[in-house]
Protein backbone atom coordinates (compact mmCIF):
# COMPACT_ATOMS: atom_id res chain seq x y z
CA GLN A 1 13.67 1.96 -12.98
CA LEU A 2 10.35 2.54 -11.29
CA PRO A 3 10.42 5.43 -8.82
CA LEU A 4 8.79 3.59 -5.92
CA VAL A 5 10.10 0.53 -4.12
CA GLU A 6 8.02 -1.77 -1.96
CA SER A 7 9.53 -4.05 0.66
CA GLY A 8 8.40 -6.39 3.42
CA GLY A 9 6.59 -9.06 1.45
CA GLY A 10 7.07 -12.75 2.05
CA LEU A 11 5.48 -15.98 3.21
CA VAL A 12 3.30 -15.92 6.30
CA GLN A 13 0.89 -18.34 7.91
CA PRO A 14 -2.83 -17.59 8.10
CA GLY A 15 -3.51 -15.30 11.03
CA GLY A 16 -0.04 -13.82 10.86
CA SER A 17 1.14 -10.29 10.15
CA LEU A 18 3.41 -8.51 7.73
CA ARG A 19 4.48 -4.92 7.43
CA LEU A 20 5.02 -3.45 3.98
CA SER A 21 6.98 -0.30 3.31
CA CYS A 22 7.05 2.04 0.34
CA ALA A 23 9.99 4.28 -0.43
CA ALA A 24 10.76 6.70 -3.22
CA SER A 25 13.89 6.68 -5.32
CA GLY A 26 15.30 10.17 -5.61
CA PHE A 27 12.44 12.23 -4.22
CA SER A 28 10.34 12.70 -1.09
CA LEU A 29 6.85 11.26 -0.80
CA ASN A 30 5.76 13.89 1.70
CA ASP A 31 3.73 15.81 -0.88
CA TYR A 32 2.01 12.77 -2.33
CA ALA A 33 -1.12 10.86 -1.50
CA ILE A 34 -0.17 7.21 -1.07
CA ALA A 35 -2.21 4.18 -2.02
CA TRP A 36 -1.77 0.44 -1.85
CA PHE A 37 -3.09 -1.94 -4.47
CA ARG A 38 -2.88 -5.67 -4.82
CA GLN A 39 -3.26 -8.16 -7.63
CA ALA A 40 -4.02 -11.78 -6.93
CA PRO A 41 -3.32 -14.46 -9.55
CA GLY A 42 -5.92 -14.32 -12.28
CA LYS A 43 -7.61 -11.23 -10.87
CA GLU A 44 -7.61 -7.53 -11.62
CA ARG A 45 -5.52 -5.13 -9.61
CA GLU A 46 -7.60 -3.64 -6.79
CA GLY A 47 -7.08 -0.62 -4.61
CA ILE A 48 -7.15 -1.51 -0.92
CA SER A 49 -6.12 1.59 1.01
CA CYS A 50 -4.99 5.17 0.69
CA ILE A 51 -3.77 7.94 2.96
CA SER A 52 -3.88 11.65 2.25
CA LYS A 53 -0.84 13.89 2.06
CA SER A 54 -1.51 15.19 5.56
CA GLY A 55 -2.27 11.75 6.96
CA ALA A 56 -5.60 13.03 8.25
CA PHE A 57 -7.76 11.05 5.82
CA ILE A 58 -7.58 7.30 5.33
CA LYS A 59 -9.69 4.92 3.30
CA TYR A 60 -9.86 1.12 3.20
CA ALA A 61 -11.54 -1.38 0.95
CA ASP A 62 -14.06 -3.58 2.71
CA SER A 63 -11.87 -6.62 2.10
CA VAL A 64 -9.13 -5.30 4.42
CA LYS A 65 -10.98 -2.96 6.77
CA GLY A 66 -10.29 -3.77 10.41
CA ARG A 67 -7.21 -5.86 9.56
CA PHE A 68 -4.85 -3.54 7.64
CA ILE A 69 -3.48 -0.23 8.83
CA ILE A 70 -1.95 2.35 6.51
CA SER A 71 0.30 5.01 7.96
CA ARG A 72 2.86 7.60 7.06
CA ASP A 73 5.54 9.51 8.88
CA ASN A 74 6.35 12.54 6.77
CA ALA A 75 9.19 13.51 9.07
CA LYS A 76 10.91 10.22 8.25
CA SER A 77 9.45 9.88 4.72
CA THR A 78 8.18 6.41 5.58
CA MET A 79 4.96 4.92 4.24
CA THR A 80 3.75 1.60 5.60
CA LEU A 81 0.94 -0.91 5.40
CA GLN A 82 0.57 -3.08 8.49
CA MET A 83 -1.30 -6.26 7.58
CA ASN A 84 -2.79 -8.30 10.42
CA SER A 85 -4.97 -11.40 10.59
CA LEU A 86 -3.83 -12.40 7.13
CA ARG A 87 -5.89 -14.86 5.15
CA PRO A 88 -5.03 -17.07 2.18
CA GLU A 89 -7.17 -14.79 0.00
CA ASP A 90 -4.78 -11.93 0.81
CA THR A 91 -2.14 -13.67 -1.30
CA ALA A 92 -1.19 -11.22 -4.03
CA VAL A 93 1.46 -8.90 -5.35
CA TYR A 94 1.16 -5.65 -3.42
CA TYR A 95 1.94 -2.32 -5.05
CA CYS A 96 2.29 1.17 -3.66
CA ALA A 97 1.36 4.19 -5.73
CA ALA A 98 1.83 7.90 -5.23
CA ASP A 99 -0.11 10.85 -6.53
CA ARG A 100 0.68 14.53 -6.16
CA ILE A 101 -2.47 16.03 -7.69
CA GLN A 102 -4.81 14.88 -4.93
CA SER A 103 -5.83 17.44 -2.35
CA ARG A 104 -4.07 17.52 0.97
CA ASN A 105 -6.84 16.19 3.20
CA THR A 106 -8.48 13.50 1.15
CA CYS A 107 -7.41 10.54 -0.96
CA THR A 108 -8.60 8.00 -3.44
CA TYR A 109 -7.01 5.14 -5.31
CA TYR A 110 -7.26 4.81 -9.07
CA TYR A 111 -5.28 3.19 -11.84
CA GLY A 112 -3.94 6.47 -13.20
CA MET A 113 -1.88 7.40 -10.15
CA GLU A 114 1.38 9.14 -10.98
CA TYR A 115 4.06 6.77 -9.70
CA TRP A 116 4.10 3.04 -9.05
CA GLY A 117 6.44 0.43 -7.66
CA LYS A 118 7.07 -2.99 -9.16
CA GLY A 119 5.34 -4.76 -6.30
CA THR A 120 6.18 -7.18 -3.53
CA LEU A 121 4.73 -10.68 -3.23
CA VAL A 122 2.75 -11.65 -0.16
CA THR A 123 1.89 -15.31 0.22
CA VAL A 124 -0.42 -16.47 3.00
CA SER A 125 -0.24 -20.21 3.37
CA SER A 126 0.24 -22.90 5.97
């Protein structure tokens, strides 16, 4: 059983919104940098956003900048990715990943992150 669980995926029309959540099974994510990746059919998995342990530093890939919002509430141990203005090219399996070794006030996304979820499918289609 993978230690992270994503939820909130589904079918949405172009221009619509979805909110993804990432939760941990059996431990708190408060001391982890969080990242979101996605993998479209026939393409490599790509990092699209990350948020530092403190929440003070956030990074987005150009493909989602201005449309997606990553956030965390350490008091509630909730990690979310708000996706707005969705496009057909956003169709992919979305994964969250967590990493404890990153420093508190910065973040990056890379394939060797410590924990992963199994992903949630987002389909953008009319």
